[in-house]
Amino acid sequence: MPFVVDSTVFAAWCFSDERTPFAEATLNALVTQNAVVPSLWWFETRNLLMTHELRGRIRADDTNFFIRYFEKLPIQTDKEPQTDAITKIARKGSLTYNEACYLELAQRRGVPIATFNKKMAHVAYMEGIRLFTENRVAA
């Protein structure tokens, strides 16, 4: 089953000090499952890498490696965001528009979401959106 993965999980894939069993489980799931992300994923992930490169946390070679590596994974970009639904989720959950984009995508596709963002996970629960867990999908 596909799942939505957000940029908080991406960060944990890239930085060993942020890696957890949950992050490993989501990355390993991509061996047999596809992930889906909103279009903003492209910008968020590259911005995250460049920010850490500029701060000296990673080198330019690391940024280039991560970009090439993750472009090869089965991660599909959704290009049909539903503005009204995103706005509703953002307002109801007091979320940023970026956060709400991930939840709207999971809700619309009927797939679980993988996130480290506790507020997003809470709103997902309240909206009946399943969460991806180390054991795959929570009810």
N, C-alpha and C. Protein backbone atom coordinates (compact mmCIF):
# COMPACT_ATOMS: atom_id res chain seq x y z
N MET A 1 0.84 -1.18 0.00
CA MET A 1 0.00 0.00 0.00
C MET A 1 0.89 1.24 0.00
N PRO A 2 0.59 2.22 -0.84
CA PRO A 2 1.35 3.47 -0.81
C PRO A 2 1.15 4.21 0.50
N PHE A 3 2.01 5.15 0.77
CA PHE A 3 1.86 6.00 1.94
C PHE A 3 2.45 7.37 1.64
N VAL A 4 1.99 8.36 2.37
CA VAL A 4 2.52 9.72 2.26
C VAL A 4 3.68 9.83 3.24
N VAL A 5 4.75 10.44 2.80
CA VAL A 5 5.90 10.67 3.68
C VAL A 5 6.21 12.16 3.67
N ASP A 6 6.43 12.73 4.84
CA ASP A 6 6.70 14.17 4.88
C ASP A 6 8.18 14.46 5.05
N SER A 7 8.52 15.72 5.02
CA SER A 7 9.94 16.11 5.05
C SER A 7 10.60 15.88 6.41
N THR A 8 9.82 15.71 7.48
CA THR A 8 10.44 15.40 8.77
C THR A 8 11.05 14.01 8.74
N VAL A 9 10.40 13.11 8.02
CA VAL A 9 10.93 11.75 7.87
C VAL A 9 12.14 11.78 6.95
N PHE A 10 12.05 12.57 5.88
CA PHE A 10 13.18 12.72 4.97
C PHE A 10 14.42 13.16 5.74
N ALA A 11 14.27 14.14 6.63
CA ALA A 11 15.41 14.62 7.41
C ALA A 11 16.03 13.49 8.22
N ALA A 12 15.20 12.64 8.80
CA ALA A 12 15.71 11.52 9.58
C ALA A 12 16.43 10.50 8.71
N TRP A 13 16.04 10.41 7.45
CA TRP A 13 16.76 9.52 6.53
C TRP A 13 18.16 10.05 6.26
N CYS A 14 18.32 11.36 6.26
CA CYS A 14 19.59 11.98 5.87
C CYS A 14 20.59 12.13 7.00
N PHE A 15 20.11 12.34 8.20
CA PHE A 15 21.00 12.68 9.31
C PHE A 15 20.99 11.58 10.36
N SER A 16 22.16 10.98 10.55
CA SER A 16 22.25 9.81 11.43
C SER A 16 21.81 10.12 12.86
N ASP A 17 22.01 11.35 13.33
CA ASP A 17 21.59 11.68 14.69
C ASP A 17 20.08 11.85 14.82
N GLU A 18 19.36 11.85 13.70
CA GLU A 18 17.90 11.93 13.73
C GLU A 18 17.25 10.59 13.37
N ARG A 19 18.06 9.63 13.00
CA ARG A 19 17.54 8.34 12.55
C ARG A 19 16.96 7.56 13.73
N THR A 20 15.82 6.95 13.49
CA THR A 20 15.12 6.15 14.49
C THR A 20 14.64 4.86 13.82
N PRO A 21 14.19 3.89 14.60
CA PRO A 21 13.60 2.69 13.98
C PRO A 21 12.42 3.04 13.06
N PHE A 22 11.65 4.06 13.43
CA PHE A 22 10.54 4.49 12.59
C PHE A 22 11.04 5.00 11.24
N ALA A 23 12.07 5.83 11.26
CA ALA A 23 12.64 6.35 10.01
C ALA A 23 13.16 5.20 9.15
N GLU A 24 13.83 4.26 9.77
CA GLU A 24 14.35 3.10 9.04
C GLU A 24 13.20 2.28 8.44
N ALA A 25 12.13 2.11 9.20
CA ALA A 25 10.99 1.34 8.71
C ALA A 25 10.35 1.99 7.49
N THR A 26 10.26 3.32 7.50
CA THR A 26 9.66 4.00 6.34
C THR A 26 10.56 3.87 5.12
N LEU A 27 11.85 4.01 5.32
CA LEU A 27 12.78 3.87 4.19
C LEU A 27 12.77 2.45 3.67
N ASN A 28 12.78 1.48 4.56
CA ASN A 28 12.74 0.07 4.16
C ASN A 28 11.43 -0.29 3.45
N ALA A 29 10.35 0.38 3.82
CA ALA A 29 9.06 0.11 3.19
C ALA A 29 9.09 0.44 1.70
N LEU A 30 9.98 1.33 1.31
CA LEU A 30 10.06 1.72 -0.10
C LEU A 30 10.63 0.62 -0.98
N VAL A 31 11.06 -0.47 -0.38
CA VAL A 31 11.50 -1.62 -1.16
C VAL A 31 10.29 -2.30 -1.80
N THR A 32 9.16 -2.30 -1.08
CA THR A 32 7.97 -3.00 -1.57
C THR A 32 6.77 -2.09 -1.79
N GLN A 33 6.86 -0.84 -1.34
CA GLN A 33 5.74 0.09 -1.44
C GLN A 33 6.19 1.39 -2.07
N ASN A 34 5.25 2.12 -2.60
CA ASN A 34 5.54 3.45 -3.14
C ASN A 34 5.10 4.49 -2.12
N ALA A 35 5.78 5.60 -2.16
CA ALA A 35 5.36 6.74 -1.35
C ALA A 35 4.82 7.80 -2.30
N VAL A 36 4.01 8.67 -1.75
CA VAL A 36 3.48 9.79 -2.52
C VAL A 36 3.67 11.04 -1.69
N VAL A 37 4.02 12.13 -2.37
CA VAL A 37 4.30 13.39 -1.69
C VAL A 37 3.65 14.54 -2.47
N PRO A 38 3.33 15.62 -1.77
CA PRO A 38 2.83 16.80 -2.50
C PRO A 38 4.00 17.46 -3.24
N SER A 39 3.69 18.31 -4.20
CA SER A 39 4.73 18.97 -5.00
C SER A 39 5.73 19.74 -4.14
N LEU A 40 5.30 20.26 -3.02
CA LEU A 40 6.20 21.04 -2.19
C LEU A 40 7.34 20.21 -1.62
N TRP A 41 7.22 18.89 -1.63
CA TRP A 41 8.28 17.99 -1.17
C TRP A 41 9.61 18.33 -1.86
N TRP A 42 9.55 18.54 -3.17
CA TRP A 42 10.76 18.82 -3.93
C TRP A 42 11.49 20.01 -3.32
N PHE A 43 10.77 21.09 -3.04
CA PHE A 43 11.37 22.29 -2.49
C PHE A 43 11.79 22.11 -1.04
N GLU A 44 10.92 21.49 -0.25
CA GLU A 44 11.23 21.31 1.18
C GLU A 44 12.48 20.47 1.38
N THR A 45 12.61 19.37 0.65
CA THR A 45 13.75 18.48 0.85
C THR A 45 15.05 19.15 0.42
N ARG A 46 15.03 19.83 -0.68
CA ARG A 46 16.24 20.50 -1.15
C ARG A 46 16.59 21.70 -0.26
N ASN A 47 15.58 22.40 0.22
CA ASN A 47 15.83 23.50 1.13
C ASN A 47 16.44 22.98 2.44
N LEU A 48 15.92 21.88 2.92
CA LEU A 48 16.45 21.28 4.14
C LEU A 48 17.93 20.94 3.96
N LEU A 49 18.26 20.30 2.85
CA LEU A 49 19.65 19.93 2.60
C LEU A 49 20.54 21.16 2.47
N MET A 50 20.11 22.14 1.71
CA MET A 50 20.93 23.34 1.51
C MET A 50 21.11 24.11 2.81
N THR A 51 20.06 24.18 3.62
CA THR A 51 20.17 24.86 4.91
C THR A 51 21.24 24.21 5.77
N HIS A 52 21.23 22.88 5.81
CA HIS A 52 22.22 22.17 6.62
C HIS A 52 23.61 22.24 6.01
N GLU A 53 23.68 22.31 4.70
CA GLU A 53 24.98 22.52 4.05
C GLU A 53 25.54 23.89 4.41
N LEU A 54 24.70 24.92 4.33
CA LEU A 54 25.15 26.28 4.64
C LEU A 54 25.57 26.42 6.10
N ARG A 55 24.95 25.63 6.98
CA ARG A 55 25.30 25.67 8.41
C ARG A 55 26.51 24.79 8.73
N GLY A 56 27.02 24.08 7.73
CA GLY A 56 28.19 23.23 7.93
C GLY A 56 27.89 21.85 8.50
N ARG A 57 26.64 21.48 8.55
CA ARG A 57 26.28 20.17 9.09
C ARG A 57 26.59 19.05 8.10
N ILE A 58 26.45 19.36 6.80
CA ILE A 58 26.80 18.41 5.74
C ILE A 58 27.62 19.14 4.69
N ARG A 59 28.29 18.35 3.85
CA ARG A 59 29.09 18.91 2.76
C ARG A 59 28.28 18.95 1.48
N ALA A 60 28.77 19.69 0.49
CA ALA A 60 28.10 19.77 -0.81
C ALA A 60 27.97 18.37 -1.42
N ASP A 61 28.98 17.54 -1.26
CA ASP A 61 28.91 16.17 -1.78
C ASP A 61 27.77 15.39 -1.15
N ASP A 62 27.52 15.62 0.14
CA ASP A 62 26.41 14.94 0.83
C ASP A 62 25.08 15.38 0.24
N THR A 63 24.93 16.69 0.04
CA THR A 63 23.69 17.21 -0.55
C THR A 63 23.45 16.57 -1.90
N ASN A 64 24.48 16.56 -2.74
CA ASN A 64 24.35 15.96 -4.07
C ASN A 64 24.01 14.48 -4.00
N PHE A 65 24.65 13.77 -3.07
CA PHE A 65 24.37 12.34 -2.90
C PHE A 65 22.92 12.11 -2.52
N PHE A 66 22.44 12.83 -1.51
CA PHE A 66 21.06 12.63 -1.05
C PHE A 66 20.06 12.93 -2.16
N ILE A 67 20.28 14.01 -2.89
CA ILE A 67 19.36 14.35 -3.98
C ILE A 67 19.33 13.22 -5.01
N ARG A 68 20.48 12.75 -5.43
CA ARG A 68 20.52 11.66 -6.43
C ARG A 68 19.90 10.38 -5.88
N TYR A 69 20.24 10.05 -4.63
CA TYR A 69 19.73 8.81 -4.02
C TYR A 69 18.20 8.82 -3.92
N PHE A 70 17.66 9.90 -3.42
CA PHE A 70 16.21 9.95 -3.19
C PHE A 70 15.42 10.11 -4.47
N GLU A 71 16.03 10.65 -5.51
CA GLU A 71 15.34 10.73 -6.80
C GLU A 71 15.13 9.35 -7.41
N LYS A 72 15.88 8.36 -6.97
CA LYS A 72 15.77 6.99 -7.49
C LYS A 72 14.72 6.16 -6.75
N LEU A 73 14.28 6.64 -5.61
CA LEU A 73 13.30 5.89 -4.82
C LEU A 73 11.90 6.01 -5.43
N PRO A 74 11.04 5.02 -5.14
CA PRO A 74 9.67 5.06 -5.69
C PRO A 74 8.78 6.05 -4.93
N ILE A 75 9.07 7.33 -5.14
CA ILE A 75 8.31 8.41 -4.51
C ILE A 75 7.65 9.21 -5.62
N GLN A 76 6.33 9.15 -5.65
CA GLN A 76 5.55 9.82 -6.68
C GLN A 76 5.13 11.20 -6.18
N THR A 77 5.19 12.18 -7.06
CA THR A 77 4.75 13.52 -6.72
C THR A 77 3.31 13.72 -7.19
N ASP A 78 2.45 14.08 -6.25
CA ASP A 78 1.05 14.37 -6.57
C ASP A 78 0.96 15.82 -7.03
N LYS A 79 0.25 16.02 -8.10
CA LYS A 79 0.14 17.37 -8.66
C LYS A 79 -1.29 17.86 -8.71
N GLU A 80 -2.15 17.32 -7.84
CA GLU A 80 -3.56 17.71 -7.84
C GLU A 80 -4.04 18.12 -6.46
N PRO A 81 -3.35 19.05 -5.80
CA PRO A 81 -3.80 19.44 -4.46
C PRO A 81 -5.19 20.06 -4.52
N GLN A 82 -5.95 19.83 -3.48
CA GLN A 82 -7.31 20.36 -3.38
C GLN A 82 -7.29 21.54 -2.41
N THR A 83 -7.27 22.73 -2.97
CA THR A 83 -7.10 23.94 -2.18
C THR A 83 -8.09 24.07 -1.03
N ASP A 84 -9.38 23.86 -1.31
CA ASP A 84 -10.38 24.02 -0.26
C ASP A 84 -10.16 23.03 0.88
N ALA A 85 -9.84 21.79 0.53
CA ALA A 85 -9.62 20.77 1.56
C ALA A 85 -8.37 21.08 2.38
N ILE A 86 -7.32 21.55 1.73
CA ILE A 86 -6.09 21.90 2.44
C ILE A 86 -6.36 23.05 3.41
N THR A 87 -7.07 24.05 2.93
CA THR A 87 -7.38 25.21 3.76
C THR A 87 -8.22 24.79 4.97
N LYS A 88 -9.18 23.93 4.75
CA LYS A 88 -10.04 23.46 5.84
C LYS A 88 -9.23 22.71 6.89
N ILE A 89 -8.36 21.80 6.45
CA ILE A 89 -7.52 21.04 7.39
C ILE A 89 -6.58 21.98 8.14
N ALA A 90 -5.98 22.94 7.42
CA ALA A 90 -5.06 23.88 8.06
C ALA A 90 -5.77 24.68 9.16
N ARG A 91 -6.93 25.19 8.84
CA ARG A 91 -7.67 26.00 9.82
C ARG A 91 -8.15 25.15 11.00
N LYS A 92 -8.72 24.01 10.70
CA LYS A 92 -9.27 23.15 11.75
C LYS A 92 -8.18 22.66 12.71
N GLY A 93 -6.99 22.36 12.14
CA GLY A 93 -5.92 21.82 12.97
C GLY A 93 -4.88 22.83 13.40
N SER A 94 -5.09 24.11 13.05
CA SER A 94 -4.09 25.16 13.32
C SER A 94 -2.72 24.75 12.79
N LEU A 95 -2.71 24.32 11.53
CA LEU A 95 -1.49 23.87 10.87
C LEU A 95 -1.05 24.88 9.83
N THR A 96 0.21 24.78 9.43
CA THR A 96 0.66 25.56 8.29
C THR A 96 0.06 24.95 7.03
N TYR A 97 0.07 25.72 5.97
CA TYR A 97 -0.45 25.20 4.71
C TYR A 97 0.40 24.02 4.24
N ASN A 98 1.72 24.09 4.44
CA ASN A 98 2.59 22.98 4.06
C ASN A 98 2.20 21.70 4.80
N GLU A 99 2.00 21.81 6.10
CA GLU A 99 1.62 20.63 6.88
C GLU A 99 0.29 20.07 6.39
N ALA A 100 -0.66 20.94 6.16
CA ALA A 100 -1.98 20.51 5.72
C ALA A 100 -1.95 19.85 4.35
N CYS A 101 -1.01 20.25 3.50
CA CYS A 101 -0.88 19.62 2.17
C CYS A 101 -0.64 18.12 2.28
N TYR A 102 0.22 17.72 3.20
CA TYR A 102 0.52 16.30 3.38
C TYR A 102 -0.73 15.55 3.87
N LEU A 103 -1.45 16.15 4.81
CA LEU A 103 -2.64 15.49 5.34
C LEU A 103 -3.75 15.40 4.31
N GLU A 104 -3.94 16.46 3.54
CA GLU A 104 -4.96 16.44 2.49
C GLU A 104 -4.66 15.34 1.48
N LEU A 105 -3.40 15.19 1.13
CA LEU A 105 -2.99 14.16 0.17
C LEU A 105 -3.29 12.77 0.72
N ALA A 106 -2.93 12.52 1.96
CA ALA A 106 -3.20 11.22 2.58
C ALA A 106 -4.70 10.95 2.64
N GLN A 107 -5.45 11.97 3.01
CA GLN A 107 -6.91 11.82 3.11
C GLN A 107 -7.52 11.54 1.74
N ARG A 108 -7.14 12.31 0.75
CA ARG A 108 -7.69 12.17 -0.60
C ARG A 108 -7.34 10.81 -1.21
N ARG A 109 -6.13 10.36 -0.99
CA ARG A 109 -5.70 9.08 -1.56
C ARG A 109 -6.11 7.88 -0.70
N GLY A 110 -6.54 8.15 0.53
CA GLY A 110 -6.92 7.06 1.43
C GLY A 110 -5.74 6.21 1.84
N VAL A 111 -4.59 6.86 2.06
CA VAL A 111 -3.38 6.15 2.44
C VAL A 111 -2.85 6.70 3.76
N PRO A 112 -2.03 5.93 4.46
CA PRO A 112 -1.46 6.43 5.72
C PRO A 112 -0.39 7.48 5.48
N ILE A 113 -0.07 8.21 6.53
CA ILE A 113 0.97 9.23 6.48
C ILE A 113 2.07 8.89 7.47
N ALA A 114 3.32 9.11 7.05
CA ALA A 114 4.48 8.94 7.91
C ALA A 114 5.00 10.33 8.25
N THR A 115 5.05 10.65 9.54
CA THR A 115 5.52 11.96 9.98
C THR A 115 6.08 11.87 11.39
N PHE A 116 7.01 12.75 11.70
CA PHE A 116 7.48 12.92 13.08
C PHE A 116 6.78 14.11 13.73
N ASN A 117 6.01 14.85 12.96
CA ASN A 117 5.34 16.04 13.43
C ASN A 117 4.15 15.63 14.30
N LYS A 118 4.27 15.82 15.61
CA LYS A 118 3.24 15.37 16.56
C LYS A 118 1.90 16.08 16.32
N LYS A 119 1.94 17.34 15.99
CA LYS A 119 0.70 18.08 15.73
C LYS A 119 0.00 17.52 14.50
N MET A 120 0.77 17.25 13.44
CA MET A 120 0.19 16.66 12.24
C MET A 120 -0.39 15.28 12.54
N ALA A 121 0.33 14.50 13.32
CA ALA A 121 -0.16 13.16 13.66
C ALA A 121 -1.46 13.26 14.44
N HIS A 122 -1.56 14.23 15.33
CA HIS A 122 -2.80 14.41 16.11
C HIS A 122 -3.96 14.80 15.19
N VAL A 123 -3.71 15.74 14.29
CA VAL A 123 -4.76 16.17 13.36
C VAL A 123 -5.14 15.00 12.45
N ALA A 124 -4.16 14.22 12.01
CA ALA A 124 -4.45 13.04 11.19
C ALA A 124 -5.41 12.12 11.93
N TYR A 125 -5.10 11.86 13.19
CA TYR A 125 -5.97 11.01 14.00
C TYR A 125 -7.38 11.59 14.08
N MET A 126 -7.47 12.89 14.33
CA MET A 126 -8.78 13.53 14.46
C MET A 126 -9.56 13.51 13.14
N GLU A 127 -8.84 13.51 12.02
CA GLU A 127 -9.48 13.50 10.69
C GLU A 127 -9.69 12.08 10.15
N GLY A 128 -9.32 11.07 10.93
CA GLY A 128 -9.48 9.70 10.48
C GLY A 128 -8.46 9.26 9.45
N ILE A 129 -7.33 9.95 9.40
CA ILE A 129 -6.24 9.58 8.49
C ILE A 129 -5.32 8.62 9.22
N ARG A 130 -5.07 7.49 8.60
CA ARG A 130 -4.23 6.48 9.25
C ARG A 130 -2.77 6.94 9.30
N LEU A 131 -2.07 6.47 10.31
CA LEU A 131 -0.66 6.78 10.47
C LEU A 131 0.18 5.57 10.09
N PHE A 132 1.27 5.82 9.40
CA PHE A 132 2.26 4.79 9.12
C PHE A 132 3.05 4.61 10.41
N THR A 133 3.26 3.38 10.81
CA THR A 133 4.03 3.10 12.02
C THR A 133 5.13 2.11 11.66
N GLU A 134 5.99 1.82 12.61
CA GLU A 134 7.05 0.83 12.38
C GLU A 134 6.46 -0.50 11.98
N ASN A 135 5.27 -0.77 12.45
CA ASN A 135 4.58 -2.03 12.11
C ASN A 135 3.64 -1.83 10.95
N ARG A 136 3.87 -0.81 10.19
CA ARG A 136 3.19 -0.41 8.96
C ARG A 136 2.06 0.57 9.22
N VAL A 137 0.83 0.15 9.37
CA VAL A 137 -0.26 1.12 9.42
C VAL A 137 -1.03 0.99 10.73
N ALA A 138 -1.23 2.11 11.38
CA ALA A 138 -2.05 2.13 12.59
C ALA A 138 -3.49 2.37 12.19
N ALA A 139 -4.40 1.83 12.95
CA ALA A 139 -5.83 2.01 12.65
C ALA A 139 -6.27 3.40 13.01
